[in-house]
Amino acid sequence: MNKKIGSRKDKPDPERMAVLRALPIEIKEKITGEEAQAFLYKEALPDSLMEKLKGYMVIEEE
């Protein structure tokens, strides 16, 4: 089931919203709506987004 961006009833994670807002503009311009939605709503992150954010993320091992 595909949902359009903005049609969600739940709210985005405020901490993740702050992270996206804090990114440099050149990174934010490259992030697609689908990538932003996955990040904000704690969905599986696309590999394309992981590649764009690799310099800003710390991957925790379980």
PDB file of N, CA and C in Angstrom:
ATOM      1  N   MET A   1       0.847  -1.181   0.000  1.00  0.00           N
ATOM      2  CA  MET A   1       0.000   0.000   0.000  1.00  0.00           C
ATOM      3  C   MET A   1       0.891   1.242   0.000  1.00  0.00           C
ATOM      4  N   ASN A   2       0.737   2.066  -0.982  1.00  0.00           N
ATOM      5  CA  ASN A   2       1.504   3.310  -1.064  1.00  0.00           C
ATOM      6  C   ASN A   2       0.717   4.444  -0.430  1.00  0.00           C
ATOM      7  N   LYS A   3       1.376   5.173   0.443  1.00  0.00           N
ATOM      8  CA  LYS A   3       0.746   6.346   1.048  1.00  0.00           C
ATOM      9  C   LYS A   3       1.409   7.590   0.496  1.00  0.00           C
ATOM     10  N   LYS A   4       0.619   8.583   0.245  1.00  0.00           N
ATOM     11  CA  LYS A   4       1.177   9.854  -0.193  1.00  0.00           C
ATOM     12  C   LYS A   4       1.771  10.577   1.003  1.00  0.00           C
ATOM     13  N   ILE A   5       2.821  11.316   0.747  1.00  0.00           N
ATOM     14  CA  ILE A   5       3.449  12.099   1.799  1.00  0.00           C
ATOM     15  C   ILE A   5       2.442  13.122   2.291  1.00  0.00           C
ATOM     16  N   GLY A   6       2.353  13.246   3.605  1.00  0.00           N
ATOM     17  CA  GLY A   6       1.417  14.191   4.185  1.00  0.00           C
ATOM     18  C   GLY A   6       0.056  13.594   4.481  1.00  0.00           C
ATOM     19  N   SER A   7      -0.188  12.339   4.058  1.00  0.00           N
ATOM     20  CA  SER A   7      -1.484  11.725   4.302  1.00  0.00           C
ATOM     21  C   SER A   7      -1.482  10.865   5.557  1.00  0.00           C
ATOM     22  N   ARG A   8      -0.413  10.887   6.322  1.00  0.00           N
ATOM     23  CA  ARG A   8      -0.292  10.073   7.530  1.00  0.00           C
ATOM     24  C   ARG A   8      -1.083  10.701   8.674  1.00  0.00           C
ATOM     25  N   LYS A   9      -1.622   9.839   9.511  1.00  0.00           N
ATOM     26  CA  LYS A   9      -2.349  10.318  10.689  1.00  0.00           C
ATOM     27  C   LYS A   9      -1.421  10.427  11.892  1.00  0.00           C
ATOM     28  N   ASP A  10      -0.366   9.590  11.939  1.00  0.00           N
ATOM     29  CA  ASP A  10       0.582   9.672  13.047  1.00  0.00           C
ATOM     30  C   ASP A  10       1.544  10.833  12.812  1.00  0.00           C
ATOM     31  N   LYS A  11       2.202  11.254  13.865  1.00  0.00           N
ATOM     32  CA  LYS A  11       3.093  12.415  13.770  1.00  0.00           C
ATOM     33  C   LYS A  11       4.539  11.956  13.604  1.00  0.00           C
ATOM     34  N   PRO A  12       5.357  12.743  12.899  1.00  0.00           N
ATOM     35  CA  PRO A  12       6.769  12.384  12.754  1.00  0.00           C
ATOM     36  C   PRO A  12       7.498  12.480  14.094  1.00  0.00           C
ATOM     37  N   ASP A  13       8.563  11.720  14.214  1.00  0.00           N
ATOM     38  CA  ASP A  13       9.370  11.739  15.429  1.00  0.00           C
ATOM     39  C   ASP A  13      10.046  13.110  15.544  1.00  0.00           C
ATOM     40  N   PRO A  14       9.804  13.840  16.650  1.00  0.00           N
ATOM     41  CA  PRO A  14      10.360  15.193  16.776  1.00  0.00           C
ATOM     42  C   PRO A  14      11.888  15.233  16.806  1.00  0.00           C
ATOM     43  N   GLU A  15      12.518  14.201  17.373  1.00  0.00           N
ATOM     44  CA  GLU A  15      13.981  14.167  17.394  1.00  0.00           C
ATOM     45  C   GLU A  15      14.537  13.990  15.984  1.00  0.00           C
ATOM     46  N   ARG A  16      13.885  13.141  15.207  1.00  0.00           N
ATOM     47  CA  ARG A  16      14.342  12.936  13.827  1.00  0.00           C
ATOM     48  C   ARG A  16      14.074  14.183  12.975  1.00  0.00           C
ATOM     49  N   MET A  17      12.983  14.877  13.274  1.00  0.00           N
ATOM     50  CA  MET A  17      12.701  16.132  12.568  1.00  0.00           C
ATOM     51  C   MET A  17      13.817  17.137  12.838  1.00  0.00           C
ATOM     52  N   ALA A  18      14.259  17.220  14.086  1.00  0.00           N
ATOM     53  CA  ALA A  18      15.346  18.133  14.445  1.00  0.00           C
ATOM     54  C   ALA A  18      16.639  17.749  13.731  1.00  0.00           C
ATOM     55  N   VAL A  19      16.881  16.449  13.603  1.00  0.00           N
ATOM     56  CA  VAL A  19      18.085  15.986  12.901  1.00  0.00           C
ATOM     57  C   VAL A  19      18.034  16.431  11.440  1.00  0.00           C
ATOM     58  N   LEU A  20      16.915  16.218  10.782  1.00  0.00           N
ATOM     59  CA  LEU A  20      16.804  16.626   9.374  1.00  0.00           C
ATOM     60  C   LEU A  20      16.995  18.129   9.216  1.00  0.00           C
ATOM     61  N   ARG A  21      16.421  18.891  10.106  1.00  0.00           N
ATOM     62  CA  ARG A  21      16.544  20.352  10.027  1.00  0.00           C
ATOM     63  C   ARG A  21      17.975  20.815  10.246  1.00  0.00           C
ATOM     64  N   ALA A  22      18.746  20.059  11.022  1.00  0.00           N
ATOM     65  CA  ALA A  22      20.116  20.448  11.338  1.00  0.00           C
ATOM     66  C   ALA A  22      21.122  20.080  10.246  1.00  0.00           C
ATOM     67  N   LEU A  23      20.700  19.294   9.274  1.00  0.00           N
ATOM     68  CA  LEU A  23      21.624  18.898   8.208  1.00  0.00           C
ATOM     69  C   LEU A  23      21.988  20.094   7.334  1.00  0.00           C
ATOM     70  N   PRO A  24      23.187  20.065   6.765  1.00  0.00           N
ATOM     71  CA  PRO A  24      23.562  21.134   5.828  1.00  0.00           C
ATOM     72  C   PRO A  24      22.603  21.172   4.634  1.00  0.00           C
ATOM     73  N   ILE A  25      22.385  22.347   4.116  1.00  0.00           N
ATOM     74  CA  ILE A  25      21.426  22.541   3.018  1.00  0.00           C
ATOM     75  C   ILE A  25      21.755  21.669   1.807  1.00  0.00           C
ATOM     76  N   GLU A  26      23.037  21.468   1.522  1.00  0.00           N
ATOM     77  CA  GLU A  26      23.396  20.668   0.346  1.00  0.00           C
ATOM     78  C   GLU A  26      22.989  19.207   0.512  1.00  0.00           C
ATOM     79  N   ILE A  27      22.900  18.734   1.735  1.00  0.00           N
ATOM     80  CA  ILE A  27      22.424  17.369   1.981  1.00  0.00           C
ATOM     81  C   ILE A  27      20.896  17.345   1.922  1.00  0.00           C
ATOM     82  N   LYS A  28      20.248  18.314   2.555  1.00  0.00           N
ATOM     83  CA  LYS A  28      18.782  18.361   2.556  1.00  0.00           C
ATOM     84  C   LYS A  28      18.230  18.443   1.140  1.00  0.00           C
ATOM     85  N   GLU A  29      18.900  19.138   0.260  1.00  0.00           N
ATOM     86  CA  GLU A  29      18.424  19.279  -1.118  1.00  0.00           C
ATOM     87  C   GLU A  29      18.445  17.961  -1.869  1.00  0.00           C
ATOM     88  N   LYS A  30      19.275  17.017  -1.447  1.00  0.00           N
ATOM     89  CA  LYS A  30      19.403  15.726  -2.126  1.00  0.00           C
ATOM     90  C   LYS A  30      18.421  14.677  -1.615  1.00  0.00           C
ATOM     91  N   ILE A  31      17.814  14.914  -0.455  1.00  0.00           N
ATOM     92  CA  ILE A  31      16.915  13.928   0.154  1.00  0.00           C
ATOM     93  C   ILE A  31      15.535  14.028  -0.487  1.00  0.00           C
ATOM     94  N   THR A  32      15.031  12.879  -0.950  1.00  0.00           N
ATOM     95  CA  THR A  32      13.707  12.856  -1.582  1.00  0.00           C
ATOM     96  C   THR A  32      12.619  12.833  -0.518  1.00  0.00           C
ATOM     97  N   GLY A  33      11.404  13.094  -0.922  1.00  0.00           N
ATOM     98  CA  GLY A  33      10.266  13.047  -0.003  1.00  0.00           C
ATOM     99  C   GLY A  33      10.079  11.670   0.602  1.00  0.00           C
ATOM    100  N   GLU A  34      10.269  10.633  -0.214  1.00  0.00           N
ATOM    101  CA  GLU A  34      10.123   9.270   0.281  1.00  0.00           C
ATOM    102  C   GLU A  34      11.195   8.947   1.315  1.00  0.00           C
ATOM    103  N   GLU A  35      12.422   9.408   1.083  1.00  0.00           N
ATOM    104  CA  GLU A  35      13.511   9.178   2.035  1.00  0.00           C
ATOM    105  C   GLU A  35      13.245   9.910   3.348  1.00  0.00           C
ATOM    106  N   ALA A  36      12.786  11.152   3.250  1.00  0.00           N
ATOM    107  CA  ALA A  36      12.490  11.931   4.455  1.00  0.00           C
ATOM    108  C   ALA A  36      11.370  11.273   5.244  1.00  0.00           C
ATOM    109  N   GLN A  37      10.336  10.804   4.569  1.00  0.00           N
ATOM    110  CA  GLN A  37       9.222  10.153   5.246  1.00  0.00           C
ATOM    111  C   GLN A  37       9.699   8.905   5.976  1.00  0.00           C
ATOM    112  N   ALA A  38      10.504   8.083   5.328  1.00  0.00           N
ATOM    113  CA  ALA A  38      11.014   6.867   5.971  1.00  0.00           C
ATOM    114  C   ALA A  38      11.800   7.219   7.228  1.00  0.00           C
ATOM    115  N   PHE A  39      12.616   8.254   7.154  1.00  0.00           N
ATOM    116  CA  PHE A  39      13.422   8.666   8.303  1.00  0.00           C
ATOM    117  C   PHE A  39      12.538   9.203   9.429  1.00  0.00           C
ATOM    118  N   LEU A  40      11.626  10.080   9.103  1.00  0.00           N
ATOM    119  CA  LEU A  40      10.791  10.729  10.116  1.00  0.00           C
ATOM    120  C   LEU A  40       9.824   9.779  10.816  1.00  0.00           C
ATOM    121  N   TYR A  41       9.379   8.749  10.098  1.00  0.00           N
ATOM    122  CA  TYR A  41       8.395   7.834  10.657  1.00  0.00           C
ATOM    123  C   TYR A  41       8.988   6.481  11.040  1.00  0.00           C
ATOM    124  N   LYS A  42      10.308   6.449  11.175  1.00  0.00           N
ATOM    125  CA  LYS A  42      11.028   5.255  11.642  1.00  0.00           C
ATOM    126  C   LYS A  42      10.724   4.019  10.812  1.00  0.00           C
ATOM    127  N   GLU A  43      10.650   4.213   9.491  1.00  0.00           N
ATOM    128  CA  GLU A  43      10.463   3.096   8.570  1.00  0.00           C
ATOM    129  C   GLU A  43      11.840   2.595   8.152  1.00  0.00           C
ATOM    130  N   ALA A  44      11.883   1.501   7.416  1.00  0.00           N
ATOM    131  CA  ALA A  44      13.150   0.998   6.900  1.00  0.00           C
ATOM    132  C   ALA A  44      13.761   2.079   6.005  1.00  0.00           C
ATOM    133  N   LEU A  45      15.026   2.401   6.274  1.00  0.00           N
ATOM    134  CA  LEU A  45      15.677   3.462   5.510  1.00  0.00           C
ATOM    135  C   LEU A  45      16.193   2.934   4.186  1.00  0.00           C
ATOM    136  N   PRO A  46      15.895   3.624   3.093  1.00  0.00           N
ATOM    137  CA  PRO A  46      16.410   3.213   1.794  1.00  0.00           C
ATOM    138  C   PRO A  46      17.931   3.331   1.754  1.00  0.00           C
ATOM    139  N   ASP A  47      18.558   2.450   0.987  1.00  0.00           N
ATOM    140  CA  ASP A  47      20.015   2.503   0.838  1.00  0.00           C
ATOM    141  C   ASP A  47      20.468   3.862   0.317  1.00  0.00           C
ATOM    142  N   SER A  48      19.650   4.483  -0.530  1.00  0.00           N
ATOM    143  CA  SER A  48      20.010   5.787  -1.088  1.00  0.00           C
ATOM    144  C   SER A  48      20.129   6.842   0.013  1.00  0.00           C
ATOM    145  N   LEU A  49      19.256   6.773   1.003  1.00  0.00           N
ATOM    146  CA  LEU A  49      19.321   7.716   2.114  1.00  0.00           C
ATOM    147  C   LEU A  49      20.520   7.408   3.000  1.00  0.00           C
ATOM    148  N   MET A  50      20.762   6.142   3.246  1.00  0.00           N
ATOM    149  CA  MET A  50      21.922   5.760   4.053  1.00  0.00           C
ATOM    150  C   MET A  50      23.208   6.288   3.417  1.00  0.00           C
ATOM    151  N   GLU A  51      23.287   6.221   2.116  1.00  0.00           N
ATOM    152  CA  GLU A  51      24.474   6.716   1.400  1.00  0.00           C
ATOM    153  C   GLU A  51      24.607   8.229   1.569  1.00  0.00           C
ATOM    154  N   LYS A  52      23.514   8.945   1.467  1.00  0.00           N
ATOM    155  CA  LYS A  52      23.541  10.405   1.602  1.00  0.00           C
ATOM    156  C   LYS A  52      23.917  10.845   3.014  1.00  0.00           C
ATOM    157  N   LEU A  53      23.532  10.060   4.019  1.00  0.00           N
ATOM    158  CA  LEU A  53      23.752  10.439   5.415  1.00  0.00           C
ATOM    159  C   LEU A  53      24.960   9.757   6.051  1.00  0.00           C
ATOM    160  N   LYS A  54      25.717   8.981   5.283  1.00  0.00           N
ATOM    161  CA  LYS A  54      26.781   8.168   5.886  1.00  0.00           C
ATOM    162  C   LYS A  54      27.799   8.984   6.679  1.00  0.00           C
ATOM    163  N   GLY A  55      28.055  10.213   6.323  1.00  0.00           N
ATOM    164  CA  GLY A  55      28.991  11.040   7.063  1.00  0.00           C
ATOM    165  C   GLY A  55      28.405  11.660   8.323  1.00  0.00           C
ATOM    166  N   TYR A  56      27.104  11.460   8.531  1.00  0.00           N
ATOM    167  CA  TYR A  56      26.407  12.076   9.660  1.00  0.00           C
ATOM    168  C   TYR A  56      25.803  11.055  10.613  1.00  0.00           C
ATOM    169  N   MET A  57      25.954   9.768  10.301  1.00  0.00           N
ATOM    170  CA  MET A  57      25.320   8.721  11.101  1.00  0.00           C
ATOM    171  C   MET A  57      26.349   7.868  11.811  1.00  0.00           C
ATOM    172  N   VAL A  58      25.938   7.361  12.955  1.00  0.00           N
ATOM    173  CA  VAL A  58      26.717   6.372  13.692  1.00  0.00           C
ATOM    174  C   VAL A  58      25.846   5.136  13.751  1.00  0.00           C
ATOM    175  N   ILE A  59      26.347   4.036  13.194  1.00  0.00           N
ATOM    176  CA  ILE A  59      25.601   2.795  13.185  1.00  0.00           C
ATOM    177  C   ILE A  59      25.935   2.021  14.454  1.00  0.00           C
ATOM    178  N   GLU A  60      24.915   1.705  15.238  1.00  0.00           N
ATOM    179  CA  GLU A  60      25.113   0.975  16.479  1.00  0.00           C
ATOM    180  C   GLU A  60      24.998  -0.518  16.213  1.00  0.00           C
ATOM    181  N   GLU A  61      25.915  -1.266  16.754  1.00  0.00           N
ATOM    182  CA  GLU A  61      25.879  -2.720  16.651  1.00  0.00           C
ATOM    183  C   GLU A  61      25.066  -3.256  17.819  1.00  0.00           C
ATOM    184  N   GLU A  62      24.261  -4.288  17.557  1.00  0.00           N
ATOM    185  CA  GLU A  62      23.473  -4.875  18.644  1.00  0.00           C
ATOM    186  C   GLU A  62      24.226  -5.993  19.302  1.00  0.00           C
TER     187      GLU A  62
END
